[in-house]
Protein backbone atom coordinates (compact mmCIF):
# COMPACT_ATOMS: atom_id res chain seq x y z
CA UNK A 1 0.00 0.00 0.00
CA UNK A 2 1.29 3.49 -0.86
CA UNK A 3 1.77 5.82 2.11
CA UNK A 4 -1.51 7.43 3.15
CA UNK A 5 -1.95 10.35 5.51
CA UNK A 6 -4.51 10.70 8.26
CA UNK A 7 -5.81 13.80 6.53
CA UNK A 8 -6.51 11.74 3.39
CA UNK A 9 -8.59 9.33 5.49
CA UNK A 10 -10.47 12.25 7.06
CA UNK A 11 -11.02 13.93 3.67
CA UNK A 12 -12.33 10.72 2.13
CA UNK A 13 -14.73 10.26 5.03
CA UNK A 14 -16.05 13.81 4.63
CA UNK A 15 -16.41 13.49 0.84
CA UNK A 16 -18.54 10.39 1.44
CA UNK A 17 -20.56 12.28 4.08
CA UNK A 18 -19.73 9.71 6.76
CA UNK A 19 -19.35 10.41 10.46
CA UNK A 20 -16.45 8.94 12.39
CA UNK A 21 -18.70 6.37 14.03
CA UNK A 22 -20.09 5.36 10.62
CA UNK A 23 -16.65 4.85 9.10
CA UNK A 24 -15.31 3.03 12.15
CA UNK A 25 -18.28 0.67 11.97
CA UNK A 26 -17.79 0.11 8.21
CA UNK A 27 -14.11 -0.68 8.76
CA UNK A 28 -14.83 -2.68 11.92
CA UNK A 29 -12.33 -0.72 14.00
CA UNK A 30 -12.58 1.26 17.24
CA UNK A 31 -13.71 4.90 16.91
CA UNK A 32 -10.75 6.04 19.05
CA UNK A 33 -8.37 4.37 16.60
CA UNK A 34 -9.98 6.26 13.71
CA UNK A 35 -9.75 9.56 15.61
CA UNK A 36 -6.04 8.97 16.24
CA UNK A 37 -5.38 7.93 12.63
CA UNK A 38 -7.17 11.00 11.24
CA UNK A 39 -5.06 13.26 13.44
CA UNK A 40 -1.84 12.44 11.53
CA UNK A 41 -1.00 15.14 8.98
CA UNK A 42 1.82 12.98 7.69
CA UNK A 43 2.08 9.30 6.87
CA UNK A 44 0.07 7.20 9.31
CA UNK A 45 1.97 5.23 11.90
CA UNK A 46 -1.15 3.71 13.45
CA UNK A 47 -2.01 0.03 13.64
CA UNK A 48 -1.49 -1.38 10.13
CA UNK A 49 -4.57 -3.64 10.37
CA UNK A 50 -6.79 -0.64 11.21
CA UNK A 51 -5.31 1.47 8.40
CA UNK A 52 -5.80 -1.37 5.91
CA UNK A 53 -9.40 -1.85 7.06
CA UNK A 54 -10.11 1.88 6.67
CA UNK A 55 -8.56 2.05 3.20
CA UNK A 56 -10.51 -1.04 2.09
CA UNK A 57 -13.81 0.37 3.41
CA UNK A 58 -13.24 3.72 1.70
CA UNK A 59 -12.12 2.14 -1.58
CA UNK A 60 -15.23 -0.03 -1.54
CA UNK A 61 -17.24 3.23 -1.44
CA UNK A 62 -15.40 4.56 -4.52
CA UNK A 63 -12.45 6.46 -3.05
CA UNK A 64 -9.08 6.20 -4.81
CA UNK A 65 -5.99 7.27 -2.92
CA UNK A 66 -3.07 8.73 -4.84
CA UNK A 67 -0.78 11.56 -5.77
CA UNK A 68 -1.74 13.97 -8.55
CA UNK A 69 0.87 15.54 -10.83
CA UNK A 70 3.34 15.97 -8.00
CA UNK A 71 0.99 18.46 -6.30
CA UNK A 72 0.72 16.34 -3.19
CA UNK A 73 -1.24 13.57 -1.62
CA UNK A 74 -4.96 13.53 -2.20
CA UNK A 75 -7.97 11.41 -3.03
CA UNK A 76 -10.13 10.82 -6.09
CA UNK A 77 -13.88 10.28 -6.01
CA UNK A 78 -16.18 10.06 -9.02
CA UNK A 79 -13.57 11.59 -11.32
CA UNK A 80 -12.70 14.56 -9.07
CA UNK A 81 -9.46 15.16 -7.22
CA UNK A 82 -9.76 16.39 -3.61
C-alpha atoms as a PDB file:
ATOM      1  CA  UNK A   1       0.000   0.000   0.000  1.00  0.00           C
ATOM      2  CA  UNK A   2       1.286   3.488  -0.858  1.00  0.00           C
ATOM      3  CA  UNK A   3       1.768   5.817   2.110  1.00  0.00           C
ATOM      4  CA  UNK A   4      -1.513   7.435   3.151  1.00  0.00           C
ATOM      5  CA  UNK A   5      -1.954  10.352   5.512  1.00  0.00           C
ATOM      6  CA  UNK A   6      -4.511  10.703   8.259  1.00  0.00           C
ATOM      7  CA  UNK A   7      -5.805  13.797   6.525  1.00  0.00           C
ATOM      8  CA  UNK A   8      -6.511  11.737   3.391  1.00  0.00           C
ATOM      9  CA  UNK A   9      -8.585   9.332   5.493  1.00  0.00           C
ATOM     10  CA  UNK A  10     -10.475  12.251   7.059  1.00  0.00           C
ATOM     11  CA  UNK A  11     -11.024  13.933   3.670  1.00  0.00           C
ATOM     12  CA  UNK A  12     -12.331  10.722   2.133  1.00  0.00           C
ATOM     13  CA  UNK A  13     -14.730  10.259   5.029  1.00  0.00           C
ATOM     14  CA  UNK A  14     -16.047  13.814   4.632  1.00  0.00           C
ATOM     15  CA  UNK A  15     -16.413  13.487   0.842  1.00  0.00           C
ATOM     16  CA  UNK A  16     -18.544  10.391   1.440  1.00  0.00           C
ATOM     17  CA  UNK A  17     -20.561  12.280   4.084  1.00  0.00           C
ATOM     18  CA  UNK A  18     -19.733   9.709   6.765  1.00  0.00           C
ATOM     19  CA  UNK A  19     -19.353  10.411  10.459  1.00  0.00           C
ATOM     20  CA  UNK A  20     -16.449   8.944  12.389  1.00  0.00           C
ATOM     21  CA  UNK A  21     -18.697   6.371  14.029  1.00  0.00           C
ATOM     22  CA  UNK A  22     -20.095   5.360  10.620  1.00  0.00           C
ATOM     23  CA  UNK A  23     -16.646   4.853   9.103  1.00  0.00           C
ATOM     24  CA  UNK A  24     -15.310   3.030  12.149  1.00  0.00           C
ATOM     25  CA  UNK A  25     -18.284   0.668  11.969  1.00  0.00           C
ATOM     26  CA  UNK A  26     -17.791   0.115   8.214  1.00  0.00           C
ATOM     27  CA  UNK A  27     -14.113  -0.683   8.757  1.00  0.00           C
ATOM     28  CA  UNK A  28     -14.826  -2.683  11.925  1.00  0.00           C
ATOM     29  CA  UNK A  29     -12.325  -0.716  14.003  1.00  0.00           C
ATOM     30  CA  UNK A  30     -12.581   1.265  17.242  1.00  0.00           C
ATOM     31  CA  UNK A  31     -13.706   4.896  16.910  1.00  0.00           C
ATOM     32  CA  UNK A  32     -10.754   6.036  19.047  1.00  0.00           C
ATOM     33  CA  UNK A  33      -8.370   4.365  16.601  1.00  0.00           C
ATOM     34  CA  UNK A  34      -9.982   6.259  13.706  1.00  0.00           C
ATOM     35  CA  UNK A  35      -9.745   9.560  15.606  1.00  0.00           C
ATOM     36  CA  UNK A  36      -6.043   8.967  16.242  1.00  0.00           C
ATOM     37  CA  UNK A  37      -5.379   7.932  12.628  1.00  0.00           C
ATOM     38  CA  UNK A  38      -7.175  10.998  11.239  1.00  0.00           C
ATOM     39  CA  UNK A  39      -5.058  13.261  13.436  1.00  0.00           C
ATOM     40  CA  UNK A  40      -1.837  12.440  11.529  1.00  0.00           C
ATOM     41  CA  UNK A  41      -1.005  15.142   8.982  1.00  0.00           C
ATOM     42  CA  UNK A  42       1.825  12.979   7.689  1.00  0.00           C
ATOM     43  CA  UNK A  43       2.076   9.300   6.866  1.00  0.00           C
ATOM     44  CA  UNK A  44       0.070   7.202   9.305  1.00  0.00           C
ATOM     45  CA  UNK A  45       1.974   5.232  11.900  1.00  0.00           C
ATOM     46  CA  UNK A  46      -1.154   3.711  13.445  1.00  0.00           C
ATOM     47  CA  UNK A  47      -2.014   0.027  13.643  1.00  0.00           C
ATOM     48  CA  UNK A  48      -1.493  -1.384  10.133  1.00  0.00           C
ATOM     49  CA  UNK A  49      -4.568  -3.636  10.367  1.00  0.00           C
ATOM     50  CA  UNK A  50      -6.785  -0.639  11.206  1.00  0.00           C
ATOM     51  CA  UNK A  51      -5.315   1.471   8.396  1.00  0.00           C
ATOM     52  CA  UNK A  52      -5.798  -1.373   5.913  1.00  0.00           C
ATOM     53  CA  UNK A  53      -9.404  -1.851   7.062  1.00  0.00           C
ATOM     54  CA  UNK A  54     -10.108   1.878   6.667  1.00  0.00           C
ATOM     55  CA  UNK A  55      -8.562   2.046   3.202  1.00  0.00           C
ATOM     56  CA  UNK A  56     -10.507  -1.039   2.090  1.00  0.00           C
ATOM     57  CA  UNK A  57     -13.807   0.365   3.413  1.00  0.00           C
ATOM     58  CA  UNK A  58     -13.245   3.721   1.701  1.00  0.00           C
ATOM     59  CA  UNK A  59     -12.117   2.142  -1.579  1.00  0.00           C
ATOM     60  CA  UNK A  60     -15.234  -0.032  -1.536  1.00  0.00           C
ATOM     61  CA  UNK A  61     -17.245   3.226  -1.443  1.00  0.00           C
ATOM     62  CA  UNK A  62     -15.397   4.558  -4.519  1.00  0.00           C
ATOM     63  CA  UNK A  63     -12.449   6.462  -3.047  1.00  0.00           C
ATOM     64  CA  UNK A  64      -9.079   6.201  -4.812  1.00  0.00           C
ATOM     65  CA  UNK A  65      -5.985   7.270  -2.915  1.00  0.00           C
ATOM     66  CA  UNK A  66      -3.072   8.728  -4.843  1.00  0.00           C
ATOM     67  CA  UNK A  67      -0.783  11.558  -5.766  1.00  0.00           C
ATOM     68  CA  UNK A  68      -1.744  13.971  -8.553  1.00  0.00           C
ATOM     69  CA  UNK A  69       0.871  15.545 -10.827  1.00  0.00           C
ATOM     70  CA  UNK A  70       3.340  15.974  -7.996  1.00  0.00           C
ATOM     71  CA  UNK A  71       0.990  18.455  -6.305  1.00  0.00           C
ATOM     72  CA  UNK A  72       0.721  16.338  -3.188  1.00  0.00           C
ATOM     73  CA  UNK A  73      -1.239  13.566  -1.618  1.00  0.00           C
ATOM     74  CA  UNK A  74      -4.963  13.532  -2.205  1.00  0.00           C
ATOM     75  CA  UNK A  75      -7.974  11.413  -3.027  1.00  0.00           C
ATOM     76  CA  UNK A  76     -10.132  10.824  -6.095  1.00  0.00           C
ATOM     77  CA  UNK A  77     -13.881  10.276  -6.010  1.00  0.00           C
ATOM     78  CA  UNK A  78     -16.181  10.060  -9.020  1.00  0.00           C
ATOM     79  CA  UNK A  79     -13.568  11.587 -11.315  1.00  0.00           C
ATOM     80  CA  UNK A  80     -12.705  14.559  -9.073  1.00  0.00           C
ATOM     81  CA  UNK A  81      -9.464  15.159  -7.219  1.00  0.00           C
ATOM     82  CA  UNK A  82      -9.761  16.392  -3.608  1.00  0.00           C
END
